[in-house]
Amino acid sequence: RGLVGKVGEPAQDPDVGANSLRGYQLSPNRYFTLKLKENPDGKKQAELVLEKPLDREKQSSHHLILTAVDGGDSVRTGTAQIKITVTDANDNPPVFTEEIYKVSLKENLPNGSLVLQVKATDEDEGSYGKITYYFSNIPQSSRHLFSLDSGNGIITTKGFVDFEEANNYIMGVEARDGGGLTDHCKVHIEILDENDNTPEMTLTSVYSPVPEDSVPGTVIALMKARDRDDGGNGEVTCRIQDNLPFKIISSSNNYYKLLTDMPIELCSPTSKVLVLLRVANIHLVAYSKDYNI
């Protein structure tokens, strides 16, 4: 409760005695009351008193009618319009539309690609309702990859996003209004794998030369095949050229054995074995390498 102020100058009534000004009345409302005060000259002054807090976001102005009443048998009145404008206070913090924003993003996108937009609202007006966005609690590695527009909350890429380096990023974003009130949210970015890596093959051991009388199933070489892509993009198969007395089998995860498949007849000092690795999905990426056995 508090005094708002005097309601203008005291009402004037040229009558005297019982017919002079007796008091004031205020139109019904939930927030304001009148307090009568008598000045040293005997004139009655009306003061407006605030009885409960105002909320600009619910009602930005109030219109009241002040009525002055005299004391005559035939009561006469005079009225005045009172308009009260409620100024804004920074009593509302910004609020994000989501606590956690999630998005899936393909790797290898060009710089400046849209990731997502975070959005906060503030019921205050003017500078108190103006929101600025900042990264908060963000790893340094993410700062090199993502950019945040402080004015509109749009996050874009500014570096090379590689699934094989990291397949997800979590960062915080702060919304701050002109009065210093804040809200926070989390951004979770999942990186989707693209078939952008060629299979690699490593020859771990070779048993050479191969005796001519080697029985079928003799191990000739051990190899490891690897593709850095994920899921189906990273599955590899291994095969050799046709019409050779060898076969290739998978011995364990990503490891292969080159075996004799039939008796070997010595025809030349070496036999050339072509090992072809390919990604076993709809987009075939081939890698080949020759070994002399």
C-alpha atoms as a PDB file:
ATOM      1  CA  ARG A   1       0.000   0.000   0.000  1.00  0.00           C
ATOM      2  CA  GLY A   2       1.279   3.438  -0.841  1.00  0.00           C
ATOM      3  CA  LEU A   3       0.326   6.983  -1.720  1.00  0.00           C
ATOM      4  CA  VAL A   4       0.104   7.576  -5.451  1.00  0.00           C
ATOM      5  CA  GLY A   5      -0.392  11.331  -5.153  1.00  0.00           C
ATOM      6  CA  LYS A   6      -2.800  14.197  -4.836  1.00  0.00           C
ATOM      7  CA  VAL A   7      -5.676  14.144  -7.286  1.00  0.00           C
ATOM      8  CA  GLY A   8      -5.191  17.593  -8.802  1.00  0.00           C
ATOM      9  CA  GLU A   9      -6.371  20.760  -7.068  1.00  0.00           C
ATOM     10  CA  PRO A  10      -9.212  20.620  -4.533  1.00  0.00           C
ATOM     11  CA  ALA A  11     -12.687  20.872  -6.069  1.00  0.00           C
ATOM     12  CA  GLN A  12     -14.195  24.368  -6.028  1.00  0.00           C
ATOM     13  CA  ASP A  13     -17.756  25.007  -4.754  1.00  0.00           C
ATOM     14  CA  PRO A  14     -18.891  28.644  -4.383  1.00  0.00           C
ATOM     15  CA  ASP A  15     -21.668  27.602  -1.983  1.00  0.00           C
ATOM     16  CA  VAL A  16     -21.057  27.840   1.752  1.00  0.00           C
ATOM     17  CA  GLY A  17     -22.120  25.967   4.795  1.00  0.00           C
ATOM     18  CA  ALA A  18     -24.066  22.758   4.311  1.00  0.00           C
ATOM     19  CA  ASN A  19     -24.236  23.310   0.569  1.00  0.00           C
ATOM     20  CA  SER A  20     -20.446  23.403   0.141  1.00  0.00           C
ATOM     21  CA  LEU A  21     -18.130  20.546  -0.824  1.00  0.00           C
ATOM     22  CA  ARG A  22     -18.595  17.561   1.459  1.00  0.00           C
ATOM     23  CA  GLY A  23     -16.322  14.884  -0.035  1.00  0.00           C
ATOM     24  CA  TYR A  24     -15.164  12.745  -2.948  1.00  0.00           C
ATOM     25  CA  GLN A  25     -16.087   9.378  -4.406  1.00  0.00           C
ATOM     26  CA  LEU A  26     -13.958   7.112  -6.604  1.00  0.00           C
ATOM     27  CA  SER A  27     -15.329   4.763  -9.215  1.00  0.00           C
ATOM     28  CA  PRO A  28     -15.194   1.078  -8.131  1.00  0.00           C
ATOM     29  CA  ASN A  29     -11.867  -0.647  -8.849  1.00  0.00           C
ATOM     30  CA  ARG A  30      -9.575  -3.281  -7.362  1.00  0.00           C
ATOM     31  CA  TYR A  31      -6.418  -1.244  -6.884  1.00  0.00           C
ATOM     32  CA  PHE A  32      -7.041   2.313  -5.676  1.00  0.00           C
ATOM     33  CA  THR A  33      -8.830   4.055  -2.788  1.00  0.00           C
ATOM     34  CA  LEU A  34      -9.233   7.659  -1.737  1.00  0.00           C
ATOM     35  CA  LYS A  35      -7.856   9.364   1.333  1.00  0.00           C
ATOM     36  CA  LEU A  36      -9.305  12.756   2.285  1.00  0.00           C
ATOM     37  CA  LYS A  37      -7.044  15.388   3.728  1.00  0.00           C
ATOM     38  CA  GLU A  38      -8.001  18.859   4.888  1.00  0.00           C
ATOM     39  CA  ASN A  39      -5.627  21.640   3.920  1.00  0.00           C
ATOM     40  CA  PRO A  40      -4.776  24.532   6.297  1.00  0.00           C
ATOM     41  CA  ASP A  41      -7.236  26.719   4.416  1.00  0.00           C
ATOM     42  CA  GLY A  42     -10.022  24.254   5.219  1.00  0.00           C
ATOM     43  CA  LYS A  43     -10.368  22.867   1.693  1.00  0.00           C
ATOM     44  CA  LYS A  44     -10.691  19.119   1.304  1.00  0.00           C
ATOM     45  CA  GLN A  45      -7.944  17.459  -0.769  1.00  0.00           C
ATOM     46  CA  ALA A  46      -8.311  13.961  -2.258  1.00  0.00           C
ATOM     47  CA  GLU A  47      -5.283  11.688  -2.326  1.00  0.00           C
ATOM     48  CA  LEU A  48      -5.093   8.477  -4.361  1.00  0.00           C
ATOM     49  CA  VAL A  49      -3.799   5.447  -2.480  1.00  0.00           C
ATOM     50  CA  LEU A  50      -2.561   2.195  -4.081  1.00  0.00           C
ATOM     51  CA  GLU A  51      -3.985  -0.790  -2.194  1.00  0.00           C
ATOM     52  CA  LYS A  52      -2.433  -3.728  -4.131  1.00  0.00           C
ATOM     53  CA  PRO A  53       0.470  -4.168  -6.579  1.00  0.00           C
ATOM     54  CA  LEU A  54      -0.022  -3.353 -10.238  1.00  0.00           C
ATOM     55  CA  ASP A  55       1.042  -5.652 -13.062  1.00  0.00           C
ATOM     56  CA  ARG A  56       1.686  -3.928 -16.381  1.00  0.00           C
ATOM     57  CA  GLU A  57       1.677  -7.258 -18.239  1.00  0.00           C
ATOM     58  CA  LYS A  58      -1.951  -7.837 -17.131  1.00  0.00           C
ATOM     59  CA  GLN A  59      -3.215  -4.239 -17.378  1.00  0.00           C
ATOM     60  CA  SER A  60      -1.085  -1.405 -18.688  1.00  0.00           C
ATOM     61  CA  SER A  61      -3.459   1.457 -17.787  1.00  0.00           C
ATOM     62  CA  HIS A  62      -6.350   2.262 -15.456  1.00  0.00           C
ATOM     63  CA  HIS A  63      -9.230   4.700 -16.039  1.00  0.00           C
ATOM     64  CA  LEU A  64     -10.987   6.101 -12.953  1.00  0.00           C
ATOM     65  CA  ILE A  65     -13.688   8.706 -12.314  1.00  0.00           C
ATOM     66  CA  LEU A  66     -13.376  11.047  -9.341  1.00  0.00           C
ATOM     67  CA  THR A  67     -16.667  12.576  -8.191  1.00  0.00           C
ATOM     68  CA  ALA A  68     -16.874  15.636  -5.931  1.00  0.00           C
ATOM     69  CA  VAL A  69     -20.125  15.783  -3.868  1.00  0.00           C
ATOM     70  CA  ASP A  70     -21.636  18.769  -2.050  1.00  0.00           C
ATOM     71  CA  GLY A  71     -23.922  18.704   0.993  1.00  0.00           C
ATOM     72  CA  GLY A  72     -27.061  20.287  -0.378  1.00  0.00           C
ATOM     73  CA  ASP A  73     -30.530  18.723  -0.169  1.00  0.00           C
ATOM     74  CA  SER A  74     -30.404  18.393  -3.935  1.00  0.00           C
ATOM     75  CA  VAL A  75     -26.947  16.889  -4.194  1.00  0.00           C
ATOM     76  CA  ARG A  76     -24.801  18.328  -6.906  1.00  0.00           C
ATOM     77  CA  THR A  77     -21.653  16.641  -8.217  1.00  0.00           C
ATOM     78  CA  GLY A  78     -18.685  17.299 -10.429  1.00  0.00           C
ATOM     79  CA  THR A  79     -16.491  14.679 -12.047  1.00  0.00           C
ATOM     80  CA  ALA A  80     -12.937  14.372 -13.299  1.00  0.00           C
ATOM     81  CA  GLN A  81     -11.333  11.653 -15.420  1.00  0.00           C
ATOM     82  CA  ILE A  82      -8.190  10.026 -14.050  1.00  0.00           C
ATOM     83  CA  LYS A  83      -5.946   7.992 -16.334  1.00  0.00           C
ATOM     84  CA  ILE A  84      -3.104   6.045 -14.752  1.00  0.00           C
ATOM     85  CA  THR A  85      -0.385   4.558 -16.984  1.00  0.00           C
ATOM     86  CA  VAL A  86       1.575   1.658 -15.464  1.00  0.00           C
ATOM     87  CA  THR A  87       5.261   1.848 -16.329  1.00  0.00           C
ATOM     88  CA  ASP A  88       7.239  -1.336 -16.798  1.00  0.00           C
ATOM     89  CA  ALA A  89       9.532  -2.863 -14.197  1.00  0.00           C
ATOM     90  CA  ASN A  90      11.913  -5.729 -14.953  1.00  0.00           C
ATOM     91  CA  ASP A  91       9.798  -8.244 -13.081  1.00  0.00           C
ATOM     92  CA  ASN A  92       9.748 -10.986 -15.735  1.00  0.00           C
ATOM     93  CA  PRO A  93      12.774 -13.063 -16.710  1.00  0.00           C
ATOM     94  CA  PRO A  94      13.199 -14.454 -20.219  1.00  0.00           C
ATOM     95  CA  VAL A  95      11.846 -17.979 -20.673  1.00  0.00           C
ATOM     96  CA  PHE A  96      13.020 -20.463 -23.327  1.00  0.00           C
ATOM     97  CA  THR A  97      10.364 -22.304 -25.297  1.00  0.00           C
ATOM     98  CA  GLU A  98      12.234 -25.583 -24.621  1.00  0.00           C
ATOM     99  CA  GLU A  99      14.471 -26.778 -21.803  1.00  0.00           C
ATOM    100  CA  ILE A 100      16.410 -29.020 -24.209  1.00  0.00           C
ATOM    101  CA  TYR A 101      16.667 -28.430 -27.955  1.00  0.00           C
ATOM    102  CA  LYS A 102      17.585 -31.516 -30.007  1.00  0.00           C
ATOM    103  CA  VAL A 103      18.626 -31.706 -33.649  1.00  0.00           C
ATOM    104  CA  SER A 104      20.245 -34.249 -35.979  1.00  0.00           C
ATOM    105  CA  LEU A 105      22.892 -32.855 -38.314  1.00  0.00           C
ATOM    106  CA  LYS A 106      24.699 -34.456 -41.232  1.00  0.00           C
ATOM    107  CA  GLU A 107      28.465 -34.345 -41.117  1.00  0.00           C
ATOM    108  CA  ASN A 108      30.513 -32.460 -43.751  1.00  0.00           C
ATOM    109  CA  LEU A 109      28.032 -29.580 -44.080  1.00  0.00           C
ATOM    110  CA  PRO A 110      29.441 -26.310 -45.462  1.00  0.00           C
ATOM    111  CA  ASN A 111      30.210 -23.413 -43.116  1.00  0.00           C
ATOM    112  CA  GLY A 112      27.183 -21.298 -42.343  1.00  0.00           C
ATOM    113  CA  SER A 113      24.700 -24.180 -42.466  1.00  0.00           C
ATOM    114  CA  LEU A 114      21.687 -23.806 -40.168  1.00  0.00           C
ATOM    115  CA  VAL A 115      21.748 -26.032 -37.088  1.00  0.00           C
ATOM    116  CA  LEU A 116      18.686 -24.749 -35.188  1.00  0.00           C
ATOM    117  CA  GLN A 117      17.213 -21.667 -33.543  1.00  0.00           C
ATOM    118  CA  VAL A 118      16.664 -21.299 -29.803  1.00  0.00           C
ATOM    119  CA  LYS A 119      13.880 -18.941 -28.750  1.00  0.00           C
ATOM    120  CA  ALA A 120      13.078 -17.176 -25.491  1.00  0.00           C
ATOM    121  CA  THR A 121      10.293 -14.721 -24.684  1.00  0.00           C
ATOM    122  CA  ASP A 122      10.056 -11.923 -22.101  1.00  0.00           C
ATOM    123  CA  GLU A 123       6.770 -10.295 -21.072  1.00  0.00           C
ATOM    124  CA  ASP A 124       8.478  -7.008 -20.193  1.00  0.00           C
ATOM    125  CA  GLU A 125       8.722  -4.224 -22.741  1.00  0.00           C
ATOM    126  CA  GLY A 126      11.479  -1.941 -23.963  1.00  0.00           C
ATOM    127  CA  SER A 127      15.020  -2.787 -22.947  1.00  0.00           C
ATOM    128  CA  TYR A 128      13.705  -5.082 -20.213  1.00  0.00           C
ATOM    129  CA  GLY A 129      12.068  -7.231 -22.880  1.00  0.00           C
ATOM    130  CA  LYS A 130      15.003  -7.259 -25.294  1.00  0.00           C
ATOM    131  CA  ILE A 131      16.775 -10.631 -25.201  1.00  0.00           C
ATOM    132  CA  THR A 132      20.406 -11.357 -26.033  1.00  0.00           C
ATOM    133  CA  TYR A 133      21.704 -14.921 -26.473  1.00  0.00           C
ATOM    134  CA  TYR A 134      25.071 -16.281 -25.360  1.00  0.00           C
ATOM    135  CA  PHE A 135      26.796 -19.649 -25.288  1.00  0.00           C
ATOM    136  CA  SER A 136      27.308 -20.881 -21.740  1.00  0.00           C
ATOM    137  CA  ASN A 137      29.047 -23.979 -20.468  1.00  0.00           C
ATOM    138  CA  ILE A 138      30.288 -24.905 -23.939  1.00  0.00           C
ATOM    139  CA  PRO A 139      33.445 -26.982 -24.613  1.00  0.00           C
ATOM    140  CA  GLN A 140      36.191 -25.161 -26.478  1.00  0.00           C
ATOM    141  CA  SER A 141      35.996 -27.721 -29.285  1.00  0.00           C
ATOM    142  CA  SER A 142      32.344 -26.779 -29.866  1.00  0.00           C
ATOM    143  CA  ARG A 143      33.156 -23.057 -29.979  1.00  0.00           C
ATOM    144  CA  HIS A 144      35.332 -23.742 -33.022  1.00  0.00           C
ATOM    145  CA  LEU A 145      32.478 -25.529 -34.812  1.00  0.00           C
ATOM    146  CA  PHE A 146      29.319 -23.574 -33.998  1.00  0.00           C
ATOM    147  CA  SER A 147      28.297 -19.928 -34.029  1.00  0.00           C
ATOM    148  CA  LEU A 148      25.384 -18.297 -32.172  1.00  0.00           C
ATOM    149  CA  ASP A 149      23.686 -15.117 -33.371  1.00  0.00           C
ATOM    150  CA  SER A 150      23.193 -13.103 -30.183  1.00  0.00           C
ATOM    151  CA  GLY A 151      20.214 -11.243 -31.599  1.00  0.00           C
ATOM    152  CA  ASN A 152      17.979 -14.056 -32.889  1.00  0.00           C
ATOM    153  CA  GLY A 153      19.316 -17.268 -31.310  1.00  0.00           C
ATOM    154  CA  ILE A 154      20.213 -18.938 -34.621  1.00  0.00           C
ATOM    155  CA  ILE A 155      23.048 -21.488 -34.369  1.00  0.00           C
ATOM    156  CA  THR A 156      25.069 -22.210 -37.524  1.00  0.00           C
ATOM    157  CA  THR A 157      28.181 -24.195 -38.373  1.00  0.00           C
ATOM    158  CA  LYS A 158      31.501 -22.407 -38.698  1.00  0.00           C
ATOM    159  CA  GLY A 159      33.837 -25.402 -38.838  1.00  0.00           C
ATOM    160  CA  PHE A 160      34.098 -28.899 -40.301  1.00  0.00           C
ATOM    161  CA  VAL A 161      31.775 -31.278 -38.445  1.00  0.00           C
ATOM    162  CA  ASP A 162      33.107 -34.837 -38.665  1.00  0.00           C
ATOM    163  CA  PHE A 163      31.196 -37.821 -37.272  1.00  0.00           C
ATOM    164  CA  GLU A 164      34.428 -39.740 -36.832  1.00  0.00           C
ATOM    165  CA  GLU A 165      35.796 -36.978 -34.565  1.00  0.00           C
ATOM    166  CA  ALA A 166      32.647 -36.656 -32.414  1.00  0.00           C
ATOM    167  CA  ASN A 167      29.112 -37.889 -32.960  1.00  0.00           C
ATOM    168  CA  ASN A 168      27.320 -35.500 -30.591  1.00  0.00           C
ATOM    169  CA  TYR A 169      27.719 -32.111 -28.951  1.00  0.00           C
ATOM    170  CA  ILE A 170      26.013 -30.703 -25.856  1.00  0.00           C
ATOM    171  CA  MET A 171      26.190 -27.010 -25.044  1.00  0.00           C
ATOM    172  CA  GLY A 172      24.371 -24.462 -22.935  1.00  0.00           C
ATOM    173  CA  VAL A 173      22.714 -21.250 -24.121  1.00  0.00           C
ATOM    174  CA  GLU A 174      21.821 -18.281 -21.924  1.00  0.00           C
ATOM    175  CA  ALA A 175      19.066 -15.747 -22.661  1.00  0.00           C
ATOM    176  CA  ARG A 176      19.575 -12.399 -20.895  1.00  0.00           C
ATOM    177  CA  ASP A 177      17.217  -9.419 -20.880  1.00  0.00           C
ATOM    178  CA  GLY A 178      18.141  -5.751 -20.643  1.00  0.00           C
ATOM    179  CA  GLY A 179      17.757  -5.768 -16.880  1.00  0.00           C
ATOM    180  CA  GLY A 180      20.098  -8.713 -16.312  1.00  0.00           C
ATOM    181  CA  LEU A 181      17.538 -11.463 -15.710  1.00  0.00           C
ATOM    182  CA  THR A 182      18.426 -14.774 -17.384  1.00  0.00           C
ATOM    183  CA  ASP A 183      17.208 -18.217 -18.367  1.00  0.00           C
ATOM    184  CA  HIS A 184      19.194 -21.227 -19.602  1.00  0.00           C
ATOM    185  CA  CYS A 185      18.640 -24.159 -21.929  1.00  0.00           C
ATOM    186  CA  LYS A 186      20.608 -27.078 -23.340  1.00  0.00           C
ATOM    187  CA  VAL A 187      21.295 -27.798 -27.010  1.00  0.00           C
ATOM    188  CA  HIS A 188      21.957 -31.422 -28.012  1.00  0.00           C
ATOM    189  CA  ILE A 189      23.354 -31.872 -31.530  1.00  0.00           C
ATOM    190  CA  GLU A 190      23.591 -35.415 -32.924  1.00  0.00           C
ATOM    191  CA  ILE A 191      25.941 -35.860 -35.894  1.00  0.00           C
ATOM    192  CA  LEU A 192      24.781 -38.306 -38.566  1.00  0.00           C
ATOM    193  CA  ASP A 193      27.329 -40.445 -40.364  1.00  0.00           C
ATOM    194  CA  GLU A 194      27.920 -40.067 -44.096  1.00  0.00           C
ATOM    195  CA  ASN A 195      29.754 -42.624 -46.235  1.00  0.00           C
ATOM    196  CA  ASP A 196      32.825 -40.396 -46.542  1.00  0.00           C
ATOM    197  CA  ASN A 197      35.661 -42.781 -45.619  1.00  0.00           C
ATOM    198  CA  THR A 198      37.347 -45.300 -47.913  1.00  0.00           C
ATOM    199  CA  PRO A 199      37.996 -48.773 -46.451  1.00  0.00           C
ATOM    200  CA  GLU A 200      41.587 -49.418 -45.381  1.00  0.00           C
ATOM    201  CA  MET A 201      43.462 -52.727 -45.424  1.00  0.00           C
ATOM    202  CA  THR A 202      46.510 -53.738 -43.431  1.00  0.00           C
ATOM    203  CA  LEU A 203      48.534 -56.881 -44.145  1.00  0.00           C
ATOM    204  CA  THR A 204      49.429 -58.120 -40.674  1.00  0.00           C
ATOM    205  CA  SER A 205      51.474 -61.148 -41.731  1.00  0.00           C
ATOM    206  CA  VAL A 206      52.448 -63.031 -44.925  1.00  0.00           C
ATOM    207  CA  TYR A 207      53.765 -66.594 -45.126  1.00  0.00           C
ATOM    208  CA  SER A 208      55.805 -66.564 -48.329  1.00  0.00           C
ATOM    209  CA  PRO A 209      57.073 -68.293 -50.357  1.00  0.00           C
ATOM    210  CA  VAL A 210      54.294 -70.879 -50.455  1.00  0.00           C
ATOM    211  CA  PRO A 211      55.429 -74.502 -50.873  1.00  0.00           C
ATOM    212  CA  GLU A 212      54.111 -76.142 -54.030  1.00  0.00           C
ATOM    213  CA  ASP A 213      52.786 -79.116 -52.063  1.00  0.00           C
ATOM    214  CA  SER A 214      50.754 -76.991 -49.598  1.00  0.00           C
ATOM    215  CA  VAL A 215      47.487 -78.671 -48.692  1.00  0.00           C
ATOM    216  CA  PRO A 216      44.183 -76.847 -49.170  1.00  0.00           C
ATOM    217  CA  GLY A 217      43.435 -74.623 -46.168  1.00  0.00           C
ATOM    218  CA  THR A 218      47.037 -73.546 -45.632  1.00  0.00           C
ATOM    219  CA  VAL A 219      47.176 -69.978 -44.281  1.00  0.00           C
ATOM    220  CA  ILE A 220      48.999 -67.671 -46.693  1.00  0.00           C
ATOM    221  CA  ALA A 221      48.313 -64.240 -45.170  1.00  0.00           C
ATOM    222  CA  LEU A 222      46.434 -62.434 -42.388  1.00  0.00           C
ATOM    223  CA  MET A 223      44.783 -59.092 -43.103  1.00  0.00           C
ATOM    224  CA  LYS A 224      42.787 -56.473 -41.222  1.00  0.00           C
ATOM    225  CA  ALA A 225      40.111 -54.414 -42.992  1.00  0.00           C
ATOM    226  CA  ARG A 226      38.763 -51.202 -41.455  1.00  0.00           C
ATOM    227  CA  ASP A 227      36.300 -48.451 -42.368  1.00  0.00           C
ATOM    228  CA  ARG A 228      35.900 -45.442 -40.061  1.00  0.00           C
ATOM    229  CA  ASP A 229      32.269 -44.914 -41.038  1.00  0.00           C
ATOM    230  CA  ASP A 230      29.454 -46.114 -38.784  1.00  0.00           C
ATOM    231  CA  GLY A 231      26.780 -48.783 -39.195  1.00  0.00           C
ATOM    232  CA  GLY A 232      26.203 -50.065 -42.704  1.00  0.00           C
ATOM    233  CA  ASN A 233      28.598 -47.453 -44.064  1.00  0.00           C
ATOM    234  CA  GLY A 234      31.397 -49.099 -42.091  1.00  0.00           C
ATOM    235  CA  GLU A 235      30.695 -52.734 -42.987  1.00  0.00           C
ATOM    236  CA  VAL A 236      33.306 -54.211 -45.313  1.00  0.00           C
ATOM    237  CA  THR A 237      33.626 -57.389 -47.346  1.00  0.00           C
ATOM    238  CA  CYS A 238      36.824 -58.754 -48.790  1.00  0.00           C
ATOM    239  CA  ARG A 239      37.310 -60.761 -51.984  1.00  0.00           C
ATOM    240  CA  ILE A 240      40.076 -61.803 -54.359  1.00  0.00           C
ATOM    241  CA  GLN A 241      40.245 -62.115 -58.104  1.00  0.00           C
ATOM    242  CA  ASP A 242      38.911 -65.252 -59.725  1.00  0.00           C
ATOM    243  CA  ASN A 243      40.874 -68.209 -61.134  1.00  0.00           C
ATOM    244  CA  LEU A 244      43.438 -68.379 -58.328  1.00  0.00           C
ATOM    245  CA  PRO A 245      44.010 -71.367 -56.054  1.00  0.00           C
ATOM    246  CA  PHE A 246      43.203 -69.246 -52.998  1.00  0.00           C
ATOM    247  CA  LYS A 247      40.177 -68.183 -50.991  1.00  0.00           C
ATOM    248  CA  ILE A 248      39.589 -65.517 -48.371  1.00  0.00           C
ATOM    249  CA  ILE A 249      37.516 -65.983 -45.217  1.00  0.00           C
ATOM    250  CA  SER A 250      36.602 -63.810 -42.252  1.00  0.00           C
ATOM    251  CA  SER A 251      38.339 -65.098 -39.149  1.00  0.00           C
ATOM    252  CA  SER A 252      37.071 -62.526 -36.622  1.00  0.00           C
ATOM    253  CA  ASN A 253      35.779 -58.977 -36.500  1.00  0.00           C
ATOM    254  CA  ASN A 254      37.524 -57.052 -39.320  1.00  0.00           C
ATOM    255  CA  TYR A 255      40.185 -59.773 -39.729  1.00  0.00           C
ATOM    256  CA  TYR A 256      40.547 -62.033 -42.782  1.00  0.00           C
ATOM    257  CA  LYS A 257      42.607 -65.089 -43.719  1.00  0.00           C
ATOM    258  CA  LEU A 258      43.967 -65.870 -47.187  1.00  0.00           C
ATOM    259  CA  LEU A 259      44.058 -69.679 -47.599  1.00  0.00           C
ATOM    260  CA  THR A 260      44.992 -72.163 -50.285  1.00  0.00           C
ATOM    261  CA  ASP A 261      41.857 -73.559 -51.872  1.00  0.00           C
ATOM    262  CA  MET A 262      43.400 -76.395 -53.918  1.00  0.00           C
ATOM    263  CA  PRO A 263      46.793 -77.969 -54.569  1.00  0.00           C
ATOM    264  CA  ILE A 264      49.270 -75.470 -56.008  1.00  0.00           C
ATOM    265  CA  GLU A 265      51.288 -76.102 -59.108  1.00  0.00           C
ATOM    266  CA  LEU A 266      54.408 -74.028 -59.633  1.00  0.00           C
ATOM    267  CA  CYS A 267      53.882 -72.025 -62.816  1.00  0.00           C
ATOM    268  CA  SER A 268      55.812 -68.848 -62.081  1.00  0.00           C
ATOM    269  CA  PRO A 269      57.987 -67.409 -59.298  1.00  0.00           C
ATOM    270  CA  THR A 270      55.012 -65.515 -57.926  1.00  0.00           C
ATOM    271  CA  SER A 271      51.269 -65.429 -58.213  1.00  0.00           C
ATOM    272  CA  LYS A 272      49.618 -62.051 -58.052  1.00  0.00           C
ATOM    273  CA  VAL A 273      46.706 -61.852 -55.624  1.00  0.00           C
ATOM    274  CA  LEU A 274      44.317 -58.891 -55.883  1.00  0.00           C
ATOM    275  CA  VAL A 275      42.480 -58.185 -52.644  1.00  0.00           C
ATOM    276  CA  LEU A 276      39.431 -55.927 -53.152  1.00  0.00           C
ATOM    277  CA  LEU A 277      37.672 -54.416 -50.168  1.00  0.00           C
ATOM    278  CA  ARG A 278      34.336 -52.694 -50.524  1.00  0.00           C
ATOM    279  CA  VAL A 279      31.773 -51.100 -48.227  1.00  0.00           C
ATOM    280  CA  ALA A 280      28.781 -53.408 -48.049  1.00  0.00           C
ATOM    281  CA  ASN A 281      25.970 -50.903 -48.530  1.00  0.00           C
ATOM    282  CA  ILE A 282      24.119 -49.294 -51.402  1.00  0.00           C
ATOM    283  CA  HIS A 283      26.958 -46.803 -51.973  1.00  0.00           C
ATOM    284  CA  LEU A 284      29.994 -48.941 -52.742  1.00  0.00           C
ATOM    285  CA  VAL A 285      33.383 -47.450 -51.977  1.00  0.00           C
ATOM    286  CA  ALA A 286      36.135 -49.712 -53.284  1.00  0.00           C
ATOM    287  CA  TYR A 287      39.716 -50.028 -52.169  1.00  0.00           C
ATOM    288  CA  SER A 288      42.114 -52.494 -53.800  1.00  0.00           C
ATOM    289  CA  LYS A 289      45.691 -53.509 -53.287  1.00  0.00           C
ATOM    290  CA  ASP A 290      47.955 -56.091 -54.919  1.00  0.00           C
ATOM    291  CA  TYR A 291      50.104 -58.569 -53.012  1.00  0.00           C
ATOM    292  CA  ASN A 292      52.594 -60.959 -54.543  1.00  0.00           C
ATOM    293  CA  ILE A 293      52.422 -64.375 -52.924  1.00  0.00           C
END
